[in-house]
Amino acid sequence: MSAVVDEILQDKEYLDDEYTKLSPIAQLVVNWQMEWYKTAHTHQIEPEGDWWNIWLMLAGRGAGKTRAAAETMAQWAIEMPDSRWLVSAPTSGDIRGTCFEGDSGLLSVIPEGLIADYNKSLHEIKLINGAFIKGIPASEPERFRGGQWHGAWLDELAAWDYLQESWDMIMFGIRLGNRTKVIASTTPKPKPLVIELIGREGDDVAVTRASTYDNIKNLAPSFQKQIMQYEGTKLGRQEIYAEIIDPEESGIVKRDWFKLWPA
C-alpha cells in the first residue's frame, strides 16, 4: 500500500465525503466488502498480485474454505459486469446445499440487493450487473463441454469421482477476459492432480494452507470437542491439519518395516 493511499485511508473525513458521493448500490458493495475484510482470516484473503491463475486453498474441516471462496467469487462477479462464472462440487446436491444455499454459500454472502434472479433447479444466479454464476456438478464431466467462463470455483476438488476428466473439460472452458481466475478449495488427499498443482506453486498456482484450528472460534463447541479424538491420527492430520498423507502410510505393508542388509 502506498503512503498516499495509507494517508487517505486514515483520513476519515475524506472517506466519509467520498462514501456519500456513491450510489446506494455502490455503498452496498462497499459495506459488504469492508465487512468481509474486517472478519476474514489471513488464509481466507485472495492472494496478492496478478501472477497466478489458480488459487489452491488447502484447509482442514471448518477452516472457512467455503466462506472464503464464496466471498471471493461473488466479489469478482460484481466487479465485472456481464461476466460468466462456473461453480462445481462433487455432486448436484453439494452445489445447491453448500456452494449456493449453504450457511457460507453464495446466497448467504451476496447482499440481497445485488441478486437479480436465482434459479434453484438450474443452479443459476444472475446479478444486477449482468454477471452470471452457473453450477455444474463434477459427477457429470461431459456437461462442462460448450460452456465458457471468466473463472471458476471448484469445491472439494480432492473428493471428485472424475477428477481429471472434469478438470480437463473445465480448463478448456475458462477462456474469457484478460486474466482467468480459478479457486480450488479442498481438504487435501494425495490425488495426482492435487500433487501436480502443489508442484506448480509459485508458477501459476498460489497455495494457501490452514488447519481447523485457524477458525476454531467460529465452530460449535460440540464440534471442537469431537475433533480432539482425531488428534495424532492419520485422519486427523488430513482432515484437521490439511496434510497430504503419503498413500504408503495407509498400506498393509509399511516401508519402515523393511531394512536393507549388506549383500
C-alpha atoms as a PDB file:
ATOM      1  CA  MET A   1       0.000   0.000   0.000  1.00  0.00           C
ATOM      2  CA  SER A   2       1.434   3.407  -0.984  1.00  0.00           C
ATOM      3  CA  ALA A   3       1.964   6.193   1.551  1.00  0.00           C
ATOM      4  CA  VAL A   4      -0.642   8.322  -0.257  1.00  0.00           C
ATOM      5  CA  VAL A   5      -3.311   5.598  -0.112  1.00  0.00           C
ATOM      6  CA  ASP A   6      -2.435   4.902   3.523  1.00  0.00           C
ATOM      7  CA  GLU A   7      -2.848   8.600   4.329  1.00  0.00           C
ATOM      8  CA  ILE A   8      -6.230   8.704   2.577  1.00  0.00           C
ATOM      9  CA  LEU A   9      -7.465   5.658   4.499  1.00  0.00           C
ATOM     10  CA  GLN A  10      -6.523   7.345   7.765  1.00  0.00           C
ATOM     11  CA  ASP A  11      -8.450  10.475   6.789  1.00  0.00           C
ATOM     12  CA  LYS A  12     -11.944   9.564   7.990  1.00  0.00           C
ATOM     13  CA  GLU A  13     -13.374  12.899   6.878  1.00  0.00           C
ATOM     14  CA  TYR A  14     -12.167  12.284   3.328  1.00  0.00           C
ATOM     15  CA  LEU A  15     -13.547   8.748   3.296  1.00  0.00           C
ATOM     16  CA  ASP A  16     -16.938   9.830   4.622  1.00  0.00           C
ATOM     17  CA  ASP A  17     -17.152  12.537   1.969  1.00  0.00           C
ATOM     18  CA  GLU A  18     -16.282  10.101  -0.856  1.00  0.00           C
ATOM     19  CA  TYR A  19     -18.678   7.491   0.505  1.00  0.00           C
ATOM     20  CA  THR A  20     -21.642   9.883   0.406  1.00  0.00           C
ATOM     21  CA  LYS A  21     -20.982  10.521  -3.300  1.00  0.00           C
ATOM     22  CA  LEU A  22     -21.508   6.846  -4.132  1.00  0.00           C
ATOM     23  CA  SER A  23     -24.799   5.463  -5.427  1.00  0.00           C
ATOM     24  CA  PRO A  24     -26.858   3.333  -2.999  1.00  0.00           C
ATOM     25  CA  ILE A  25     -25.771   0.186  -4.858  1.00  0.00           C
ATOM     26  CA  ALA A  26     -22.097   1.178  -4.698  1.00  0.00           C
ATOM     27  CA  GLN A  27     -22.455   1.872  -0.967  1.00  0.00           C
ATOM     28  CA  LEU A  28     -23.998  -1.587  -0.535  1.00  0.00           C
ATOM     29  CA  VAL A  29     -20.982  -3.162  -2.276  1.00  0.00           C
ATOM     30  CA  VAL A  30     -18.512  -1.156  -0.185  1.00  0.00           C
ATOM     31  CA  ASN A  31     -20.281  -2.106   3.064  1.00  0.00           C
ATOM     32  CA  TRP A  32     -20.280  -5.781   2.057  1.00  0.00           C
ATOM     33  CA  GLN A  33     -16.598  -5.839   1.104  1.00  0.00           C
ATOM     34  CA  MET A  34     -15.472  -3.926   4.186  1.00  0.00           C
ATOM     35  CA  GLU A  35     -17.433  -6.250   6.473  1.00  0.00           C
ATOM     36  CA  TRP A  36     -15.758  -9.288   4.906  1.00  0.00           C
ATOM     37  CA  TYR A  37     -12.218  -7.925   5.130  1.00  0.00           C
ATOM     38  CA  LYS A  38     -12.784  -6.958   8.758  1.00  0.00           C
ATOM     39  CA  THR A  39     -13.720 -10.514   9.762  1.00  0.00           C
ATOM     40  CA  ALA A  40     -11.704 -12.717   7.363  1.00  0.00           C
ATOM     41  CA  HIS A  41      -8.640 -14.657   8.466  1.00  0.00           C
ATOM     42  CA  THR A  42      -5.385 -14.193   6.550  1.00  0.00           C
ATOM     43  CA  HIS A  43      -5.734 -17.553   4.794  1.00  0.00           C
ATOM     44  CA  GLN A  44      -9.178 -16.536   3.520  1.00  0.00           C
ATOM     45  CA  ILE A  45      -7.972 -13.463   1.630  1.00  0.00           C
ATOM     46  CA  GLU A  46      -7.264 -13.701  -2.099  1.00  0.00           C
ATOM     47  CA  PRO A  47      -3.500 -13.926  -2.791  1.00  0.00           C
ATOM     48  CA  GLU A  48      -1.891 -10.669  -3.890  1.00  0.00           C
ATOM     49  CA  GLY A  49      -0.587  -9.996  -7.373  1.00  0.00           C
ATOM     50  CA  ASP A  50      -1.723 -10.880 -10.876  1.00  0.00           C
ATOM     51  CA  TRP A  51       0.842 -13.632 -11.487  1.00  0.00           C
ATOM     52  CA  TRP A  52      -1.406 -16.531 -10.500  1.00  0.00           C
ATOM     53  CA  ASN A  53      -4.340 -18.103 -12.335  1.00  0.00           C
ATOM     54  CA  ILE A  54      -5.214 -20.793  -9.798  1.00  0.00           C
ATOM     55  CA  TRP A  55      -5.695 -20.274  -6.067  1.00  0.00           C
ATOM     56  CA  LEU A  56      -5.334 -23.673  -4.369  1.00  0.00           C
ATOM     57  CA  MET A  57      -6.871 -23.417  -0.905  1.00  0.00           C
ATOM     58  CA  LEU A  58      -5.774 -26.410   1.200  1.00  0.00           C
ATOM     59  CA  ALA A  59      -7.548 -26.363   4.545  1.00  0.00           C
ATOM     60  CA  GLY A  60      -8.937 -28.629   7.232  1.00  0.00           C
ATOM     61  CA  ARG A  61     -12.611 -29.155   8.007  1.00  0.00           C
ATOM     62  CA  GLY A  62     -14.278 -25.981   9.242  1.00  0.00           C
ATOM     63  CA  ALA A  63     -11.304 -23.755   8.369  1.00  0.00           C
ATOM     64  CA  GLY A  64     -13.523 -21.433   6.331  1.00  0.00           C
ATOM     65  CA  LYS A  65     -12.848 -22.614   2.764  1.00  0.00           C
ATOM     66  CA  THR A  66     -16.444 -22.286   1.578  1.00  0.00           C
ATOM     67  CA  ARG A  67     -16.928 -18.798   3.013  1.00  0.00           C
ATOM     68  CA  ALA A  68     -13.643 -17.562   1.547  1.00  0.00           C
ATOM     69  CA  ALA A  69     -14.371 -18.978  -1.914  1.00  0.00           C
ATOM     70  CA  ALA A  70     -17.971 -17.709  -1.971  1.00  0.00           C
ATOM     71  CA  GLU A  71     -16.982 -14.205  -0.869  1.00  0.00           C
ATOM     72  CA  THR A  72     -14.142 -14.008  -3.378  1.00  0.00           C
ATOM     73  CA  MET A  73     -16.064 -15.320  -6.376  1.00  0.00           C
ATOM     74  CA  ALA A  74     -19.059 -13.100  -5.594  1.00  0.00           C
ATOM     75  CA  GLN A  75     -16.837 -10.033  -5.446  1.00  0.00           C
ATOM     76  CA  TRP A  76     -15.163 -10.959  -8.741  1.00  0.00           C
ATOM     77  CA  ALA A  77     -18.612 -11.252 -10.313  1.00  0.00           C
ATOM     78  CA  ILE A  78     -19.936  -7.932  -9.011  1.00  0.00           C
ATOM     79  CA  GLU A  79     -16.764  -6.128 -10.113  1.00  0.00           C
ATOM     80  CA  MET A  80     -17.054  -7.490 -13.690  1.00  0.00           C
ATOM     81  CA  PRO A  81     -20.389  -6.668 -15.352  1.00  0.00           C
ATOM     82  CA  ASP A  82     -21.731  -9.320 -17.745  1.00  0.00           C
ATOM     83  CA  SER A  83     -19.054 -11.808 -16.709  1.00  0.00           C
ATOM     84  CA  ARG A  84     -19.635 -15.576 -16.534  1.00  0.00           C
ATOM     85  CA  TRP A  85     -18.527 -17.798 -13.638  1.00  0.00           C
ATOM     86  CA  LEU A  86     -18.622 -21.538 -13.031  1.00  0.00           C
ATOM     87  CA  VAL A  87     -19.144 -23.301  -9.704  1.00  0.00           C
ATOM     88  CA  SER A  88     -18.549 -27.032  -9.380  1.00  0.00           C
ATOM     89  CA  ALA A  89     -18.593 -29.514  -6.494  1.00  0.00           C
ATOM     90  CA  PRO A  90     -18.702 -33.323  -6.206  1.00  0.00           C
ATOM     91  CA  THR A  91     -22.485 -33.596  -6.720  1.00  0.00           C
ATOM     92  CA  SER A  92     -25.511 -31.510  -7.661  1.00  0.00           C
ATOM     93  CA  GLY A  93     -26.592 -31.639  -4.017  1.00  0.00           C
ATOM     94  CA  ASP A  94     -23.243 -30.224  -2.911  1.00  0.00           C
ATOM     95  CA  ILE A  95     -23.580 -27.286  -5.306  1.00  0.00           C
ATOM     96  CA  ARG A  96     -27.013 -26.402  -4.011  1.00  0.00           C
ATOM     97  CA  GLY A  97     -26.619 -27.344  -0.339  1.00  0.00           C
ATOM     98  CA  THR A  98     -23.099 -25.982   0.185  1.00  0.00           C
ATOM     99  CA  CYS A  99     -21.944 -23.613  -2.566  1.00  0.00           C
ATOM    100  CA  PHE A 100     -25.240 -21.838  -3.262  1.00  0.00           C
ATOM    101  CA  GLU A 101     -27.645 -22.208  -0.329  1.00  0.00           C
ATOM    102  CA  GLY A 102     -25.293 -23.222   2.495  1.00  0.00           C
ATOM    103  CA  ASP A 103     -24.664 -21.082   5.568  1.00  0.00           C
ATOM    104  CA  SER A 104     -21.440 -19.836   3.952  1.00  0.00           C
ATOM    105  CA  GLY A 105     -22.610 -20.141   0.334  1.00  0.00           C
ATOM    106  CA  LEU A 106     -23.117 -17.542  -2.359  1.00  0.00           C
ATOM    107  CA  LEU A 107     -26.710 -16.659  -1.484  1.00  0.00           C
ATOM    108  CA  SER A 108     -25.682 -16.088   2.139  1.00  0.00           C
ATOM    109  CA  VAL A 109     -22.766 -13.766   1.391  1.00  0.00           C
ATOM    110  CA  ILE A 110     -24.078 -11.739  -1.570  1.00  0.00           C
ATOM    111  CA  PRO A 111     -26.288  -8.841  -0.401  1.00  0.00           C
ATOM    112  CA  GLU A 112     -29.877  -9.440  -1.499  1.00  0.00           C
ATOM    113  CA  GLY A 113     -29.981  -6.127  -3.356  1.00  0.00           C
ATOM    114  CA  LEU A 114     -27.320  -7.340  -5.787  1.00  0.00           C
ATOM    115  CA  ILE A 115     -29.148 -10.525  -6.846  1.00  0.00           C
ATOM    116  CA  ALA A 116     -31.434 -10.194  -9.867  1.00  0.00           C
ATOM    117  CA  ASP A 117     -32.553 -13.832 -10.025  1.00  0.00           C
ATOM    118  CA  TYR A 118     -31.860 -17.279  -8.603  1.00  0.00           C
ATOM    119  CA  ASN A 119     -32.958 -20.408 -10.462  1.00  0.00           C
ATOM    120  CA  LYS A 120     -32.777 -23.218  -7.927  1.00  0.00           C
ATOM    121  CA  SER A 121     -33.389 -26.080 -10.356  1.00  0.00           C
ATOM    122  CA  LEU A 122     -30.760 -24.919 -12.866  1.00  0.00           C
ATOM    123  CA  HIS A 123     -28.213 -23.781 -10.258  1.00  0.00           C
ATOM    124  CA  GLU A 124     -28.013 -20.269 -11.719  1.00  0.00           C
ATOM    125  CA  ILE A 125     -27.545 -16.874 -10.091  1.00  0.00           C
ATOM    126  CA  LYS A 126     -27.867 -13.630 -12.038  1.00  0.00           C
ATOM    127  CA  LEU A 127     -26.602 -10.391 -10.512  1.00  0.00           C
ATOM    128  CA  ILE A 128     -27.957  -6.935 -11.227  1.00  0.00           C
ATOM    129  CA  ASN A 129     -24.824  -6.030 -13.205  1.00  0.00           C
ATOM    130  CA  GLY A 130     -25.460  -8.866 -15.670  1.00  0.00           C
ATOM    131  CA  ALA A 131     -22.891 -11.244 -14.166  1.00  0.00           C
ATOM    132  CA  PHE A 132     -23.908 -14.903 -14.319  1.00  0.00           C
ATOM    133  CA  ILE A 133     -22.905 -17.745 -11.951  1.00  0.00           C
ATOM    134  CA  LYS A 134     -23.645 -21.328 -13.046  1.00  0.00           C
ATOM    135  CA  GLY A 135     -23.329 -24.539 -11.046  1.00  0.00           C
ATOM    136  CA  ILE A 136     -22.430 -27.821 -12.791  1.00  0.00           C
ATOM    137  CA  PRO A 137     -21.656 -30.994 -10.780  1.00  0.00           C
ATOM    138  CA  ALA A 138     -18.255 -32.640 -11.236  1.00  0.00           C
ATOM    139  CA  SER A 139     -20.017 -36.011 -11.342  1.00  0.00           C
ATOM    140  CA  GLU A 140     -21.037 -35.234 -14.948  1.00  0.00           C
ATOM    141  CA  PRO A 141     -17.817 -34.263 -16.812  1.00  0.00           C
ATOM    142  CA  GLU A 142     -19.484 -34.099 -20.238  1.00  0.00           C
ATOM    143  CA  ARG A 143     -21.724 -31.245 -19.074  1.00  0.00           C
ATOM    144  CA  PHE A 144     -18.697 -28.941 -18.971  1.00  0.00           C
ATOM    145  CA  ARG A 145     -18.443 -29.058 -22.758  1.00  0.00           C
ATOM    146  CA  GLY A 146     -19.638 -25.952 -24.567  1.00  0.00           C
ATOM    147  CA  GLY A 147     -19.559 -23.514 -21.674  1.00  0.00           C
ATOM    148  CA  GLN A 148     -17.106 -20.636 -21.461  1.00  0.00           C
ATOM    149  CA  TRP A 149     -16.172 -18.709 -18.343  1.00  0.00           C
ATOM    150  CA  HIS A 150     -14.083 -15.926 -16.879  1.00  0.00           C
ATOM    151  CA  GLY A 151     -13.245 -18.143 -13.915  1.00  0.00           C
ATOM    152  CA  ALA A 152     -14.433 -20.850 -11.566  1.00  0.00           C
ATOM    153  CA  TRP A 153     -14.797 -22.024  -8.004  1.00  0.00           C
ATOM    154  CA  LEU A 154     -14.109 -25.759  -7.701  1.00  0.00           C
ATOM    155  CA  ASP A 155     -15.101 -27.000  -4.262  1.00  0.00           C
ATOM    156  CA  GLU A 156     -13.701 -30.094  -2.503  1.00  0.00           C
ATOM    157  CA  LEU A 157     -11.601 -30.898  -5.548  1.00  0.00           C
ATOM    158  CA  ALA A 158      -9.954 -33.956  -3.961  1.00  0.00           C
ATOM    159  CA  ALA A 159     -13.378 -35.579  -3.444  1.00  0.00           C
ATOM    160  CA  TRP A 160     -14.377 -35.552  -7.135  1.00  0.00           C
ATOM    161  CA  ASP A 161     -15.018 -39.008  -8.622  1.00  0.00           C
ATOM    162  CA  TYR A 162     -13.993 -37.995 -12.149  1.00  0.00           C
ATOM    163  CA  LEU A 163     -11.316 -35.531 -11.100  1.00  0.00           C
ATOM    164  CA  GLN A 164      -9.002 -35.457 -14.117  1.00  0.00           C
ATOM    165  CA  GLU A 165     -11.809 -35.703 -16.695  1.00  0.00           C
ATOM    166  CA  SER A 166     -13.794 -32.862 -15.115  1.00  0.00           C
ATOM    167  CA  TRP A 167     -10.702 -30.711 -14.569  1.00  0.00           C
ATOM    168  CA  ASP A 168      -9.650 -31.051 -18.207  1.00  0.00           C
ATOM    169  CA  MET A 169     -13.088 -30.084 -19.533  1.00  0.00           C
ATOM    170  CA  ILE A 170     -13.258 -27.097 -17.168  1.00  0.00           C
ATOM    171  CA  MET A 171      -9.812 -25.834 -18.189  1.00  0.00           C
ATOM    172  CA  PHE A 172     -10.906 -25.795 -21.849  1.00  0.00           C
ATOM    173  CA  GLY A 173     -13.884 -23.612 -20.904  1.00  0.00           C
ATOM    174  CA  ILE A 174     -12.118 -20.996 -18.775  1.00  0.00           C
ATOM    175  CA  ARG A 175     -11.102 -18.705 -21.609  1.00  0.00           C
ATOM    176  CA  LEU A 176     -12.878 -15.346 -21.261  1.00  0.00           C
ATOM    177  CA  GLY A 177     -11.373 -11.989 -20.329  1.00  0.00           C
ATOM    178  CA  ASN A 178      -7.792 -10.798 -19.968  1.00  0.00           C
ATOM    179  CA  ARG A 179      -6.993 -12.885 -16.905  1.00  0.00           C
ATOM    180  CA  THR A 180      -8.802 -16.039 -15.861  1.00  0.00           C
ATOM    181  CA  LYS A 181      -9.084 -16.990 -12.190  1.00  0.00           C
ATOM    182  CA  VAL A 182      -9.806 -20.327 -10.532  1.00  0.00           C
ATOM    183  CA  ILE A 183     -10.382 -21.082  -6.859  1.00  0.00           C
ATOM    184  CA  ALA A 184      -9.799 -24.735  -5.971  1.00  0.00           C
ATOM    185  CA  SER A 185     -10.831 -25.255  -2.348  1.00  0.00           C
ATOM    186  CA  THR A 186     -10.335 -28.651  -0.755  1.00  0.00           C
ATOM    187  CA  THR A 187      -9.321 -30.731   2.212  1.00  0.00           C
ATOM    188  CA  PRO A 188      -6.363 -32.422   0.513  1.00  0.00           C
ATOM    189  CA  LYS A 189      -5.913 -36.026  -0.489  1.00  0.00           C
ATOM    190  CA  PRO A 190      -2.901 -37.423  -2.390  1.00  0.00           C
ATOM    191  CA  LYS A 191      -4.623 -37.299  -5.778  1.00  0.00           C
ATOM    192  CA  PRO A 192      -2.261 -36.862  -8.770  1.00  0.00           C
ATOM    193  CA  LEU A 193      -3.906 -33.572  -9.809  1.00  0.00           C
ATOM    194  CA  VAL A 194      -3.629 -32.121  -6.290  1.00  0.00           C
ATOM    195  CA  ILE A 195       0.042 -33.123  -6.145  1.00  0.00           C
ATOM    196  CA  GLU A 196       0.599 -31.559  -9.570  1.00  0.00           C
ATOM    197  CA  LEU A 197      -1.000 -28.249  -8.541  1.00  0.00           C
ATOM    198  CA  ILE A 198       1.112 -28.095  -5.383  1.00  0.00           C
ATOM    199  CA  GLY A 199       4.170 -28.665  -7.581  1.00  0.00           C
ATOM    200  CA  ARG A 200       3.187 -25.580  -9.607  1.00  0.00           C
ATOM    201  CA  GLU A 201       3.151 -23.353  -6.515  1.00  0.00           C
ATOM    202  CA  GLY A 202       4.851 -20.050  -7.286  1.00  0.00           C
ATOM    203  CA  ASP A 203       4.453 -20.526 -11.049  1.00  0.00           C
ATOM    204  CA  ASP A 204       0.777 -20.089 -11.972  1.00  0.00           C
ATOM    205  CA  VAL A 205      -0.631 -21.533  -8.714  1.00  0.00           C
ATOM    206  CA  ALA A 206      -0.894 -19.680  -5.403  1.00  0.00           C
ATOM    207  CA  VAL A 207      -1.305 -22.040  -2.432  1.00  0.00           C
ATOM    208  CA  THR A 208      -2.711 -21.119   0.967  1.00  0.00           C
ATOM    209  CA  ARG A 209      -2.878 -23.550   3.880  1.00  0.00           C
ATOM    210  CA  ALA A 210      -4.912 -23.586   7.065  1.00  0.00           C
ATOM    211  CA  SER A 211      -5.961 -26.018   9.784  1.00  0.00           C
ATOM    212  CA  THR A 212      -9.300 -26.401  11.503  1.00  0.00           C
ATOM    213  CA  TYR A 213      -7.833 -24.577  14.498  1.00  0.00           C
ATOM    214  CA  ASP A 214      -7.332 -21.403  12.461  1.00  0.00           C
ATOM    215  CA  ASN A 215     -11.113 -20.902  12.532  1.00  0.00           C
ATOM    216  CA  ILE A 216     -11.913 -22.765  15.753  1.00  0.00           C
ATOM    217  CA  LYS A 217     -13.640 -19.806  17.448  1.00  0.00           C
ATOM    218  CA  ASN A 218     -16.381 -19.846  14.807  1.00  0.00           C
ATOM    219  CA  LEU A 219     -17.139 -23.564  15.207  1.00  0.00           C
ATOM    220  CA  ALA A 220     -19.642 -25.196  17.540  1.00  0.00           C
ATOM    221  CA  PRO A 221     -18.256 -26.271  20.946  1.00  0.00           C
ATOM    222  CA  SER A 222     -19.504 -29.810  20.298  1.00  0.00           C
ATOM    223  CA  PHE A 223     -17.506 -29.948  17.053  1.00  0.00           C
ATOM    224  CA  GLN A 224     -14.405 -28.633  18.826  1.00  0.00           C
ATOM    225  CA  LYS A 225     -14.737 -31.454  21.348  1.00  0.00           C
ATOM    226  CA  GLN A 226     -15.304 -34.112  18.696  1.00  0.00           C
ATOM    227  CA  ILE A 227     -12.220 -33.302  16.608  1.00  0.00           C
ATOM    228  CA  MET A 228      -9.943 -33.804  19.614  1.00  0.00           C
ATOM    229  CA  GLN A 229     -10.421 -37.567  19.324  1.00  0.00           C
ATOM    230  CA  TYR A 230      -8.650 -37.468  15.938  1.00  0.00           C
ATOM    231  CA  GLU A 231      -5.531 -35.718  17.245  1.00  0.00           C
ATOM    232  CA  GLY A 232      -2.415 -37.769  16.481  1.00  0.00           C
ATOM    233  CA  THR A 233      -4.159 -39.924  13.849  1.00  0.00           C
ATOM    234  CA  LYS A 234      -3.578 -40.013  10.090  1.00  0.00           C
ATOM    235  CA  LEU A 235      -7.196 -38.976   9.548  1.00  0.00           C
ATOM    236  CA  GLY A 236      -6.675 -36.021  11.876  1.00  0.00           C
ATOM    237  CA  ARG A 237      -3.549 -34.941  10.016  1.00  0.00           C
ATOM    238  CA  GLN A 238      -5.526 -34.928   6.776  1.00  0.00           C
ATOM    239  CA  GLU A 239      -8.910 -33.590   7.884  1.00  0.00           C
ATOM    240  CA  ILE A 240      -7.759 -31.151  10.614  1.00  0.00           C
ATOM    241  CA  TYR A 241      -4.296 -30.031   9.527  1.00  0.00           C
ATOM    242  CA  ALA A 242      -4.799 -30.431   5.744  1.00  0.00           C
ATOM    243  CA  GLU A 243      -1.681 -32.557   5.326  1.00  0.00           C
ATOM    244  CA  ILE A 244      -1.136 -34.619   2.202  1.00  0.00           C
ATOM    245  CA  ILE A 245      -0.809 -38.159   3.521  1.00  0.00           C
ATOM    246  CA  ASP A 246       1.559 -40.444   1.587  1.00  0.00           C
ATOM    247  CA  PRO A 247      -0.550 -43.389   0.283  1.00  0.00           C
ATOM    248  CA  GLU A 248       2.132 -45.799   1.570  1.00  0.00           C
ATOM    249  CA  GLU A 249       1.259 -44.807   5.142  1.00  0.00           C
ATOM    250  CA  SER A 250      -2.174 -46.368   4.686  1.00  0.00           C
ATOM    251  CA  GLY A 251      -0.926 -49.570   3.110  1.00  0.00           C
ATOM    252  CA  ILE A 252      -0.931 -53.002   4.716  1.00  0.00           C
ATOM    253  CA  VAL A 253       2.847 -53.280   4.338  1.00  0.00           C
ATOM    254  CA  LYS A 254       4.823 -50.257   5.595  1.00  0.00           C
ATOM    255  CA  ARG A 255       8.094 -49.081   4.082  1.00  0.00           C
ATOM    256  CA  ASP A 256       9.667 -48.660   7.530  1.00  0.00           C
ATOM    257  CA  TRP A 257       9.162 -52.389   8.247  1.00  0.00           C
ATOM    258  CA  PHE A 258      11.960 -53.181   5.789  1.00  0.00           C
ATOM    259  CA  LYS A 259      15.677 -52.934   6.403  1.00  0.00           C
ATOM    260  CA  LEU A 260      18.285 -53.283   3.672  1.00  0.00           C
ATOM    261  CA  TRP A 261      21.165 -55.579   4.736  1.00  0.00           C
ATOM    262  CA  PRO A 262      24.612 -55.683   3.154  1.00  0.00           C
ATOM    263  CA  ALA A 263      24.964 -58.286   0.427  1.00  0.00           C
END
